[in-house]
Amino acid sequence: MAKKNAAKQPGYTTVSIYDQAYHLTGQDPDHIRRLASQVDAKMRAVAAQGRTVDSLRVAVLAALNLADELSQTAGADVRRGHSRAVSLRGLLDEVLEDELKTGS
């Protein structure tokens, strides 16, 4: 009963994930809906590949998949950031060498 009342209060966004309704709060309802849609899609993909029908197991496997995707993305960002830092350091070294040569 409390869930039904919560859904009607302002600031709540109702989403469906794996055929379960959730009443969530947040500043950006569209963002909440997009995230819920991604979780729902991942859970359905996991369920379609596996033999388990236990929704908790499906949720945990989906969470592991999402965490793996996130860590791979973060790793790529770190590598890209490191490469950019090395490049900028090289440019800075060149500028400093030029200043030393010219005495500026």
PDB file of N, CA and C in Angstrom:
ATOM      1  N   MET A   1       0.822  -1.188   0.000  1.00  0.00           N
ATOM      2  CA  MET A   1       0.000   0.000   0.000  1.00  0.00           C
ATOM      3  C   MET A   1       0.868   1.253   0.000  1.00  0.00           C
ATOM      4  N   ALA A   2       1.955   1.254   0.735  1.00  0.00           N
ATOM      5  CA  ALA A   2       2.840   2.415   0.794  1.00  0.00           C
ATOM      6  C   ALA A   2       3.446   2.710  -0.574  1.00  0.00           C
ATOM      7  N   LYS A   3       3.717   1.671  -1.356  1.00  0.00           N
ATOM      8  CA  LYS A   3       4.294   1.884  -2.673  1.00  0.00           C
ATOM      9  C   LYS A   3       3.335   2.631  -3.584  1.00  0.00           C
ATOM     10  N   LYS A   4       2.068   2.315  -3.515  1.00  0.00           N
ATOM     11  CA  LYS A   4       1.092   3.007  -4.353  1.00  0.00           C
ATOM     12  C   LYS A   4       1.026   4.481  -3.986  1.00  0.00           C
ATOM     13  N   ASN A   5       1.055   4.796  -2.701  1.00  0.00           N
ATOM     14  CA  ASN A   5       1.044   6.184  -2.269  1.00  0.00           C
ATOM     15  C   ASN A   5       2.322   6.893  -2.677  1.00  0.00           C
ATOM     16  N   ALA A   6       3.461   6.208  -2.589  1.00  0.00           N
ATOM     17  CA  ALA A   6       4.733   6.806  -2.969  1.00  0.00           C
ATOM     18  C   ALA A   6       4.746   7.167  -4.442  1.00  0.00           C
ATOM     19  N   ALA A   7       4.167   6.329  -5.276  1.00  0.00           N
ATOM     20  CA  ALA A   7       4.178   6.565  -6.712  1.00  0.00           C
ATOM     21  C   ALA A   7       3.402   7.819  -7.079  1.00  0.00           C
ATOM     22  N   LYS A   8       2.432   8.201  -6.269  1.00  0.00           N
ATOM     23  CA  LYS A   8       1.609   9.361  -6.573  1.00  0.00           C
ATOM     24  C   LYS A   8       2.206  10.660  -6.046  1.00  0.00           C
ATOM     25  N   GLN A   9       3.210  10.566  -5.198  1.00  0.00           N
ATOM     26  CA  GLN A   9       3.826  11.765  -4.646  1.00  0.00           C
ATOM     27  C   GLN A   9       4.742  12.394  -5.686  1.00  0.00           C
ATOM     28  N   PRO A  10       4.846  13.730  -5.668  1.00  0.00           N
ATOM     29  CA  PRO A  10       5.732  14.392  -6.623  1.00  0.00           C
ATOM     30  C   PRO A  10       7.183  13.995  -6.378  1.00  0.00           C
ATOM     31  N   GLY A  11       7.947  13.942  -7.458  1.00  0.00           N
ATOM     32  CA  GLY A  11       9.353  13.588  -7.343  1.00  0.00           C
ATOM     33  C   GLY A  11       9.636  12.118  -7.554  1.00  0.00           C
ATOM     34  N   TYR A  12       8.597  11.302  -7.637  1.00  0.00           N
ATOM     35  CA  TYR A  12       8.785   9.871  -7.851  1.00  0.00           C
ATOM     36  C   TYR A  12       8.633   9.545  -9.328  1.00  0.00           C
ATOM     37  N   THR A  13       9.465   8.636  -9.794  1.00  0.00           N
ATOM     38  CA  THR A  13       9.383   8.132 -11.154  1.00  0.00           C
ATOM     39  C   THR A  13       9.155   6.634 -11.053  1.00  0.00           C
ATOM     40  N   THR A  14       8.130   6.153 -11.714  1.00  0.00           N
ATOM     41  CA  THR A  14       7.845   4.726 -11.694  1.00  0.00           C
ATOM     42  C   THR A  14       8.447   4.083 -12.937  1.00  0.00           C
ATOM     43  N   VAL A  15       9.236   3.032 -12.720  1.00  0.00           N
ATOM     44  CA  VAL A  15       9.863   2.303 -13.824  1.00  0.00           C
ATOM     45  C   VAL A  15       9.562   0.817 -13.644  1.00  0.00           C
ATOM     46  N   SER A  16       9.718   0.095 -14.718  1.00  0.00           N
ATOM     47  CA  SER A  16       9.547  -1.351 -14.667  1.00  0.00           C
ATOM     48  C   SER A  16      10.864  -2.003 -15.081  1.00  0.00           C
ATOM     49  N   ILE A  17      11.376  -2.856 -14.202  1.00  0.00           N
ATOM     50  CA  ILE A  17      12.602  -3.591 -14.489  1.00  0.00           C
ATOM     51  C   ILE A  17      12.311  -5.063 -14.288  1.00  0.00           C
ATOM     52  N   TYR A  18      12.439  -5.809 -15.359  1.00  0.00           N
ATOM     53  CA  TYR A  18      12.212  -7.251 -15.321  1.00  0.00           C
ATOM     54  C   TYR A  18      10.841  -7.564 -14.736  1.00  0.00           C
ATOM     55  N   ASP A  19       9.853  -6.835 -15.244  1.00  0.00           N
ATOM     56  CA  ASP A  19       8.440  -6.997 -14.881  1.00  0.00           C
ATOM     57  C   ASP A  19       8.119  -6.662 -13.425  1.00  0.00           C
ATOM     58  N   GLN A  20       8.971  -5.873 -12.787  1.00  0.00           N
ATOM     59  CA  GLN A  20       8.719  -5.406 -11.430  1.00  0.00           C
ATOM     60  C   GLN A  20       8.685  -3.878 -11.447  1.00  0.00           C
ATOM     61  N   ALA A  21       7.703  -3.297 -10.787  1.00  0.00           N
ATOM     62  CA  ALA A  21       7.596  -1.838 -10.710  1.00  0.00           C
ATOM     63  C   ALA A  21       8.436  -1.317  -9.558  1.00  0.00           C
ATOM     64  N   TYR A  22       9.151  -0.223  -9.826  1.00  0.00           N
ATOM     65  CA  TYR A  22       9.949   0.438  -8.810  1.00  0.00           C
ATOM     66  C   TYR A  22       9.599   1.920  -8.837  1.00  0.00           C
ATOM     67  N   HIS A  23       9.462   2.505  -7.667  1.00  0.00           N
ATOM     68  CA  HIS A  23       9.141   3.918  -7.532  1.00  0.00           C
ATOM     69  C   HIS A  23      10.407   4.599  -7.006  1.00  0.00           C
ATOM     70  N   LEU A  24      11.043   5.365  -7.866  1.00  0.00           N
ATOM     71  CA  LEU A  24      12.349   5.928  -7.553  1.00  0.00           C
ATOM     72  C   LEU A  24      12.297   7.445  -7.515  1.00  0.00           C
ATOM     73  N   THR A  25      13.187   8.021  -6.745  1.00  0.00           N
ATOM     74  CA  THR A  25      13.288   9.475  -6.703  1.00  0.00           C
ATOM     75  C   THR A  25      14.607   9.897  -7.329  1.00  0.00           C
ATOM     76  N   GLY A  26      14.603  11.082  -7.872  1.00  0.00           N
ATOM     77  CA  GLY A  26      15.808  11.627  -8.472  1.00  0.00           C
ATOM     78  C   GLY A  26      15.496  12.934  -9.155  1.00  0.00           C
ATOM     79  N   GLN A  27      16.533  13.644  -9.512  1.00  0.00           N
ATOM     80  CA  GLN A  27      16.346  14.961 -10.104  1.00  0.00           C
ATOM     81  C   GLN A  27      15.978  14.910 -11.585  1.00  0.00           C
ATOM     82  N   ASP A  28      16.330  13.821 -12.270  1.00  0.00           N
ATOM     83  CA  ASP A  28      16.105  13.744 -13.707  1.00  0.00           C
ATOM     84  C   ASP A  28      15.320  12.469 -14.045  1.00  0.00           C
ATOM     85  N   PRO A  29      13.990  12.561 -14.119  1.00  0.00           N
ATOM     86  CA  PRO A  29      13.173  11.377 -14.404  1.00  0.00           C
ATOM     87  C   PRO A  29      13.536  10.678 -15.715  1.00  0.00           C
ATOM     88  N   ASP A  30      13.901  11.443 -16.739  1.00  0.00           N
ATOM     89  CA  ASP A  30      14.282  10.817 -18.014  1.00  0.00           C
ATOM     90  C   ASP A  30      15.539   9.982 -17.861  1.00  0.00           C
ATOM     91  N   HIS A  31      16.491  10.487 -17.087  1.00  0.00           N
ATOM     92  CA  HIS A  31      17.725   9.741 -16.837  1.00  0.00           C
ATOM     93  C   HIS A  31      17.419   8.451 -16.073  1.00  0.00           C
ATOM     94  N   ILE A  32      16.546   8.545 -15.091  1.00  0.00           N
ATOM     95  CA  ILE A  32      16.145   7.365 -14.319  1.00  0.00           C
ATOM     96  C   ILE A  32      15.505   6.335 -15.237  1.00  0.00           C
ATOM     97  N   ARG A  33      14.642   6.789 -16.128  1.00  0.00           N
ATOM     98  CA  ARG A  33      13.983   5.863 -17.068  1.00  0.00           C
ATOM     99  C   ARG A  33      14.993   5.209 -18.004  1.00  0.00           C
ATOM    100  N   ARG A  34      15.980   5.985 -18.492  1.00  0.00           N
ATOM    101  CA  ARG A  34      17.007   5.416 -19.374  1.00  0.00           C
ATOM    102  C   ARG A  34      17.825   4.351 -18.642  1.00  0.00           C
ATOM    103  N   LEU A  35      18.219   4.651 -17.412  1.00  0.00           N
ATOM    104  CA  LEU A  35      18.986   3.677 -16.629  1.00  0.00           C
ATOM    105  C   LEU A  35      18.171   2.409 -16.378  1.00  0.00           C
ATOM    106  N   ALA A  36      16.913   2.589 -16.011  1.00  0.00           N
ATOM    107  CA  ALA A  36      16.042   1.433 -15.769  1.00  0.00           C
ATOM    108  C   ALA A  36      15.893   0.601 -17.033  1.00  0.00           C
ATOM    109  N   SER A  37      15.792   1.265 -18.155  1.00  0.00           N
ATOM    110  CA  SER A  37      15.669   0.558 -19.431  1.00  0.00           C
ATOM    111  C   SER A  37      16.932  -0.258 -19.731  1.00  0.00           C
ATOM    112  N   GLN A  38      18.098   0.316 -19.436  1.00  0.00           N
ATOM    113  CA  GLN A  38      19.353  -0.409 -19.643  1.00  0.00           C
ATOM    114  C   GLN A  38      19.444  -1.629 -18.734  1.00  0.00           C
ATOM    115  N   VAL A  39      19.064  -1.459 -17.485  1.00  0.00           N
ATOM    116  CA  VAL A  39      19.102  -2.585 -16.542  1.00  0.00           C
ATOM    117  C   VAL A  39      18.123  -3.670 -16.981  1.00  0.00           C
ATOM    118  N   ASP A  40      16.926  -3.261 -17.375  1.00  0.00           N
ATOM    119  CA  ASP A  40      15.918  -4.218 -17.839  1.00  0.00           C
ATOM    120  C   ASP A  40      16.438  -4.990 -19.058  1.00  0.00           C
ATOM    121  N   ALA A  41      17.022  -4.278 -20.004  1.00  0.00           N
ATOM    122  CA  ALA A  41      17.544  -4.930 -21.212  1.00  0.00           C
ATOM    123  C   ALA A  41      18.669  -5.906 -20.871  1.00  0.00           C
ATOM    124  N   LYS A  42      19.554  -5.506 -19.965  1.00  0.00           N
ATOM    125  CA  LYS A  42      20.664  -6.381 -19.583  1.00  0.00           C
ATOM    126  C   LYS A  42      20.142  -7.624 -18.874  1.00  0.00           C
ATOM    127  N   MET A  43      19.164  -7.454 -17.990  1.00  0.00           N
ATOM    128  CA  MET A  43      18.592  -8.609 -17.290  1.00  0.00           C
ATOM    129  C   MET A  43      17.925  -9.561 -18.274  1.00  0.00           C
ATOM    130  N   ARG A  44      17.217  -9.020 -19.238  1.00  0.00           N
ATOM    131  CA  ARG A  44      16.545  -9.879 -20.229  1.00  0.00           C
ATOM    132  C   ARG A  44      17.568 -10.601 -21.106  1.00  0.00           C
ATOM    133  N   ALA A  45      18.656  -9.931 -21.438  1.00  0.00           N
ATOM    134  CA  ALA A  45      19.706 -10.570 -22.232  1.00  0.00           C
ATOM    135  C   ALA A  45      20.361 -11.707 -21.452  1.00  0.00           C
ATOM    136  N   VAL A  46      20.630 -11.466 -20.170  1.00  0.00           N
ATOM    137  CA  VAL A  46      21.214 -12.505 -19.315  1.00  0.00           C
ATOM    138  C   VAL A  46      20.254 -13.682 -19.197  1.00  0.00           C
ATOM    139  N   ALA A  47      18.983 -13.397 -18.971  1.00  0.00           N
ATOM    140  CA  ALA A  47      17.987 -14.459 -18.831  1.00  0.00           C
ATOM    141  C   ALA A  47      17.862 -15.267 -20.116  1.00  0.00           C
ATOM    142  N   ALA A  48      17.972 -14.596 -21.255  1.00  0.00           N
ATOM    143  CA  ALA A  48      17.844 -15.292 -22.541  1.00  0.00           C
ATOM    144  C   ALA A  48      19.024 -16.225 -22.793  1.00  0.00           C
ATOM    145  N   GLN A  49      20.191 -15.903 -22.252  1.00  0.00           N
ATOM    146  CA  GLN A  49      21.390 -16.716 -22.467  1.00  0.00           C
ATOM    147  C   GLN A  49      21.534 -17.848 -21.456  1.00  0.00           C
ATOM    148  N   GLY A  50      20.929 -17.674 -20.295  1.00  0.00           N
ATOM    149  CA  GLY A  50      21.137 -18.648 -19.229  1.00  0.00           C
ATOM    150  C   GLY A  50      19.961 -19.581 -19.051  1.00  0.00           C
ATOM    151  N   ARG A  51      20.132 -20.441 -18.057  1.00  0.00           N
ATOM    152  CA  ARG A  51      19.094 -21.413 -17.757  1.00  0.00           C
ATOM    153  C   ARG A  51      18.323 -21.048 -16.500  1.00  0.00           C
ATOM    154  N   THR A  52      18.767 -20.006 -15.816  1.00  0.00           N
ATOM    155  CA  THR A  52      18.135 -19.659 -14.541  1.00  0.00           C
ATOM    156  C   THR A  52      16.903 -18.789 -14.751  1.00  0.00           C
ATOM    157  N   VAL A  53      15.914 -19.020 -13.938  1.00  0.00           N
ATOM    158  CA  VAL A  53      14.713 -18.183 -13.954  1.00  0.00           C
ATOM    159  C   VAL A  53      14.605 -17.388 -12.660  1.00  0.00           C
ATOM    160  N   ASP A  54      15.549 -17.608 -11.756  1.00  0.00           N
ATOM    161  CA  ASP A  54      15.568 -16.897 -10.489  1.00  0.00           C
ATOM    162  C   ASP A  54      15.953 -15.439 -10.753  1.00  0.00           C
ATOM    163  N   SER A  55      15.031 -14.522 -10.469  1.00  0.00           N
ATOM    164  CA  SER A  55      15.268 -13.118 -10.800  1.00  0.00           C
ATOM    165  C   SER A  55      16.449 -12.527 -10.033  1.00  0.00           C
ATOM    166  N   LEU A  56      16.718 -12.999  -8.822  1.00  0.00           N
ATOM    167  CA  LEU A  56      17.869 -12.503  -8.080  1.00  0.00           C
ATOM    168  C   LEU A  56      19.168 -12.888  -8.778  1.00  0.00           C
ATOM    169  N   ARG A  57      19.257 -14.135  -9.217  1.00  0.00           N
ATOM    170  CA  ARG A  57      20.459 -14.571  -9.936  1.00  0.00           C
ATOM    171  C   ARG A  57      20.616 -13.800 -11.246  1.00  0.00           C
ATOM    172  N   VAL A  58      19.519 -13.579 -11.950  1.00  0.00           N
ATOM    173  CA  VAL A  58      19.563 -12.805 -13.196  1.00  0.00           C
ATOM    174  C   VAL A  58      20.049 -11.391 -12.899  1.00  0.00           C
ATOM    175  N   ALA A  59      19.556 -10.791 -11.813  1.00  0.00           N
ATOM    176  CA  ALA A  59      19.957  -9.433 -11.447  1.00  0.00           C
ATOM    177  C   ALA A  59      21.452  -9.364 -11.123  1.00  0.00           C
ATOM    178  N   VAL A  60      21.944 -10.348 -10.383  1.00  0.00           N
ATOM    179  CA  VAL A  60      23.362 -10.360 -10.018  1.00  0.00           C
ATOM    180  C   VAL A  60      24.228 -10.529 -11.262  1.00  0.00           C
ATOM    181  N   LEU A  61      23.849 -11.433 -12.155  1.00  0.00           N
ATOM    182  CA  LEU A  61      24.613 -11.624 -13.381  1.00  0.00           C
ATOM    183  C   LEU A  61      24.562 -10.378 -14.268  1.00  0.00           C
ATOM    184  N   ALA A  62      23.420  -9.726 -14.335  1.00  0.00           N
ATOM    185  CA  ALA A  62      23.307  -8.477 -15.095  1.00  0.00           C
ATOM    186  C   ALA A  62      24.192  -7.403 -14.472  1.00  0.00           C
ATOM    187  N   ALA A  63      24.205  -7.317 -13.146  1.00  0.00           N
ATOM    188  CA  ALA A  63      25.049  -6.336 -12.462  1.00  0.00           C
ATOM    189  C   ALA A  63      26.527  -6.596 -12.748  1.00  0.00           C
ATOM    190  N   LEU A  64      26.919  -7.858 -12.758  1.00  0.00           N
ATOM    191  CA  LEU A  64      28.310  -8.192 -13.083  1.00  0.00           C
ATOM    192  C   LEU A  64      28.652  -7.790 -14.512  1.00  0.00           C
ATOM    193  N   ASN A  65      27.734  -8.024 -15.438  1.00  0.00           N
ATOM    194  CA  ASN A  65      27.955  -7.622 -16.830  1.00  0.00           C
ATOM    195  C   ASN A  65      28.090  -6.108 -16.946  1.00  0.00           C
ATOM    196  N   LEU A  66      27.206  -5.377 -16.284  1.00  0.00           N
ATOM    197  CA  LEU A  66      27.261  -3.915 -16.329  1.00  0.00           C
ATOM    198  C   LEU A  66      28.545  -3.392 -15.676  1.00  0.00           C
ATOM    199  N   ALA A  67      28.957  -4.002 -14.566  1.00  0.00           N
ATOM    200  CA  ALA A  67      30.193  -3.593 -13.899  1.00  0.00           C
ATOM    201  C   ALA A  67      31.400  -3.850 -14.799  1.00  0.00           C
ATOM    202  N   ASP A  68      31.394  -4.978 -15.504  1.00  0.00           N
ATOM    203  CA  ASP A  68      32.481  -5.291 -16.433  1.00  0.00           C
ATOM    204  C   ASP A  68      32.532  -4.259 -17.557  1.00  0.00           C
ATOM    205  N   GLU A  69      31.387  -3.916 -18.123  1.00  0.00           N
ATOM    206  CA  GLU A  69      31.339  -2.903 -19.178  1.00  0.00           C
ATOM    207  C   GLU A  69      31.868  -1.568 -18.662  1.00  0.00           C
ATOM    208  N   LEU A  70      31.476  -1.201 -17.449  1.00  0.00           N
ATOM    209  CA  LEU A  70      31.922   0.051 -16.859  1.00  0.00           C
ATOM    210  C   LEU A  70      33.432   0.050 -16.630  1.00  0.00           C
ATOM    211  N   SER A  71      33.969  -1.051 -16.124  1.00  0.00           N
ATOM    212  CA  SER A  71      35.409  -1.102 -15.858  1.00  0.00           C
ATOM    213  C   SER A  71      36.204  -1.052 -17.154  1.00  0.00           C
ATOM    214  N   GLN A  72      35.695  -1.663 -18.216  1.00  0.00           N
ATOM    215  CA  GLN A  72      36.381  -1.597 -19.503  1.00  0.00           C
ATOM    216  C   GLN A  72      36.366  -0.180 -20.052  1.00  0.00           C
ATOM    217  N   THR A  73      35.244   0.503 -19.902  1.00  0.00           N
ATOM    218  CA  THR A  73      35.141   1.882 -20.364  1.00  0.00           C
ATOM    219  C   THR A  73      36.070   2.771 -19.549  1.00  0.00           C
ATOM    220  N   ALA A  74      36.073   2.592 -18.236  1.00  0.00           N
ATOM    221  CA  ALA A  74      36.934   3.396 -17.366  1.00  0.00           C
ATOM    222  C   ALA A  74      38.396   3.131 -17.694  1.00  0.00           C
ATOM    223  N   GLY A  75      38.737   1.877 -17.962  1.00  0.00           N
ATOM    224  CA  GLY A  75      40.113   1.535 -18.324  1.00  0.00           C
ATOM    225  C   GLY A  75      40.529   2.213 -19.613  1.00  0.00           C
ATOM    226  N   ALA A  76      39.626   2.261 -20.596  1.00  0.00           N
ATOM    227  CA  ALA A  76      39.924   2.929 -21.857  1.00  0.00           C
ATOM    228  C   ALA A  76      40.122   4.419 -21.626  1.00  0.00           C
ATOM    229  N   ASP A  77      39.306   5.012 -20.760  1.00  0.00           N
ATOM    230  CA  ASP A  77      39.436   6.435 -20.451  1.00  0.00           C
ATOM    231  C   ASP A  77      40.766   6.720 -19.763  1.00  0.00           C
ATOM    232  N   VAL A  78      41.185   5.836 -18.865  1.00  0.00           N
ATOM    233  CA  VAL A  78      42.454   6.021 -18.166  1.00  0.00           C
ATOM    234  C   VAL A  78      43.603   5.946 -19.168  1.00  0.00           C
ATOM    235  N   ARG A  79      43.580   4.963 -20.062  1.00  0.00           N
ATOM    236  CA  ARG A  79      44.639   4.829 -21.066  1.00  0.00           C
ATOM    237  C   ARG A  79      44.673   6.053 -21.971  1.00  0.00           C
ATOM    238  N   ARG A  80      43.501   6.516 -22.375  1.00  0.00           N
ATOM    239  CA  ARG A  80      43.417   7.689 -23.235  1.00  0.00           C
ATOM    240  C   ARG A  80      43.934   8.917 -22.491  1.00  0.00           C
ATOM    241  N   GLY A  81      43.577   9.038 -21.220  1.00  0.00           N
ATOM    242  CA  GLY A  81      44.040  10.162 -20.411  1.00  0.00           C
ATOM    243  C   GLY A  81      45.546  10.128 -20.218  1.00  0.00           C
ATOM    244  N   HIS A  82      46.109   8.943 -19.996  1.00  0.00           N
ATOM    245  CA  HIS A  82      47.548   8.809 -19.825  1.00  0.00           C
ATOM    246  C   HIS A  82      48.271   9.192 -21.114  1.00  0.00           C
ATOM    247  N   SER A  83      47.760   8.728 -22.229  1.00  0.00           N
ATOM    248  CA  SER A  83      48.355   9.054 -23.525  1.00  0.00           C
ATOM    249  C   SER A  83      48.339  10.561 -23.763  1.00  0.00           C
ATOM    250  N   ARG A  84      47.224  11.185 -23.412  1.00  0.00           N
ATOM    251  CA  ARG A  84      47.106  12.649 -23.572  1.00  0.00           C
ATOM    252  C   ARG A  84      48.088  13.365 -22.648  1.00  0.00           C
ATOM    253  N   ALA A  85      48.235  12.891 -21.425  1.00  0.00           N
ATOM    254  CA  ALA A  85      49.167  13.508 -20.477  1.00  0.00           C
ATOM    255  C   ALA A  85      50.606  13.405 -20.983  1.00  0.00           C
ATOM    256  N   VAL A  86      50.978  12.255 -21.535  1.00  0.00           N
ATOM    257  CA  VAL A  86      52.328  12.082 -22.076  1.00  0.00           C
ATOM    258  C   VAL A  86      52.552  13.048 -23.232  1.00  0.00           C
ATOM    259  N   SER A  87      51.567  13.184 -24.086  1.00  0.00           N
ATOM    260  CA  SER A  87      51.665  14.102 -25.220  1.00  0.00           C
ATOM    261  C   SER A  87      51.827  15.549 -24.744  1.00  0.00           C
ATOM    262  N   LEU A  88      51.010  15.950 -23.772  1.00  0.00           N
ATOM    263  CA  LEU A  88      51.092  17.313 -23.248  1.00  0.00           C
ATOM    264  C   LEU A  88      52.428  17.563 -22.544  1.00  0.00           C
ATOM    265  N   ARG A  89      52.919  16.543 -21.837  1.00  0.00           N
ATOM    266  CA  ARG A  89      54.211  16.686 -21.168  1.00  0.00           C
ATOM    267  C   ARG A  89      55.311  16.919 -22.201  1.00  0.00           C
ATOM    268  N   GLY A  90      55.249  16.204 -23.306  1.00  0.00           N
ATOM    269  CA  GLY A  90      56.222  16.395 -24.382  1.00  0.00           C
ATOM    270  C   GLY A  90      56.164  17.803 -24.960  1.00  0.00           C
ATOM    271  N   LEU A  91      54.962  18.299 -25.178  1.00  0.00           N
ATOM    272  CA  LEU A  91      54.812  19.666 -25.688  1.00  0.00           C
ATOM    273  C   LEU A  91      55.355  20.680 -24.692  1.00  0.00           C
ATOM    274  N   LEU A  92      55.078  20.491 -23.418  1.00  0.00           N
ATOM    275  CA  LEU A  92      55.571  21.390 -22.381  1.00  0.00           C
ATOM    276  C   LEU A  92      57.092  21.362 -22.331  1.00  0.00           C
ATOM    277  N   ASP A  93      57.677  20.173 -22.438  1.00  0.00           N
ATOM    278  CA  ASP A  93      59.137  20.061 -22.449  1.00  0.00           C
ATOM    279  C   ASP A  93      59.733  20.847 -23.614  1.00  0.00           C
ATOM    280  N   GLU A  94      59.100  20.756 -24.781  1.00  0.00           N
ATOM    281  CA  GLU A  94      59.588  21.493 -25.952  1.00  0.00           C
ATOM    282  C   GLU A  94      59.535  23.003 -25.715  1.00  0.00           C
ATOM    283  N   VAL A  95      58.438  23.481 -25.147  1.00  0.00           N
ATOM    284  CA  VAL A  95      58.296  24.915 -24.873  1.00  0.00           C
ATOM    285  C   VAL A  95      59.355  25.368 -23.871  1.00  0.00           C
ATOM    286  N   LEU A  96      59.553  24.587 -22.818  1.00  0.00           N
ATOM    287  CA  LEU A  96      60.548  24.951 -21.807  1.00  0.00           C
ATOM    288  C   LEU A  96      61.965  24.942 -22.383  1.00  0.00           C
ATOM    289  N   GLU A  97      62.279  23.997 -23.248  1.00  0.00           N
ATOM    290  CA  GLU A  97      63.599  23.956 -23.886  1.00  0.00           C
ATOM    291  C   GLU A  97      63.803  25.182 -24.760  1.00  0.00           C
ATOM    292  N   ASP A  98      62.770  25.565 -25.513  1.00  0.00           N
ATOM    293  CA  ASP A  98      62.858  26.754 -26.364  1.00  0.00           C
ATOM    294  C   ASP A  98      63.093  27.998 -25.519  1.00  0.00           C
ATOM    295  N   GLU A  99      62.407  28.090 -24.368  1.00  0.00           N
ATOM    296  CA  GLU A  99      62.585  29.247 -23.495  1.00  0.00           C
ATOM    297  C   GLU A  99      63.999  29.284 -22.921  1.00  0.00           C
ATOM    298  N   LEU A 100      64.545  28.118 -22.586  1.00  0.00           N
ATOM    299  CA  LEU A 100      65.908  28.074 -22.059  1.00  0.00           C
ATOM    300  C   LEU A 100      66.923  28.520 -23.130  1.00  0.00           C
ATOM    301  N   LYS A 101      66.688  28.111 -24.368  1.00  0.00           N
ATOM    302  CA  LYS A 101      67.592  28.459 -25.471  1.00  0.00           C
ATOM    303  C   LYS A 101      67.535  29.948 -25.771  1.00  0.00           C
ATOM    304  N   THR A 102      66.343  30.507 -25.759  1.00  0.00           N
ATOM    305  CA  THR A 102      66.178  31.932 -26.103  1.00  0.00           C
ATOM    306  C   THR A 102      66.350  32.836 -24.893  1.00  0.00           C
ATOM    307  N   GLY A 103      66.330  32.277 -23.713  1.00  0.00           N
ATOM    308  CA  GLY A 103      66.483  33.070 -22.498  1.00  0.00           C
ATOM    309  C   GLY A 103      65.242  33.859 -22.120  1.00  0.00           C
ATOM    310  N   SER A 104      64.083  33.446 -22.609  1.00  0.00           N
ATOM    311  CA  SER A 104      62.826  34.171 -22.303  1.00  0.00           C
ATOM    312  C   SER A 104      62.278  33.770 -20.983  1.00  0.00           C
TER     313      SER A 104
END
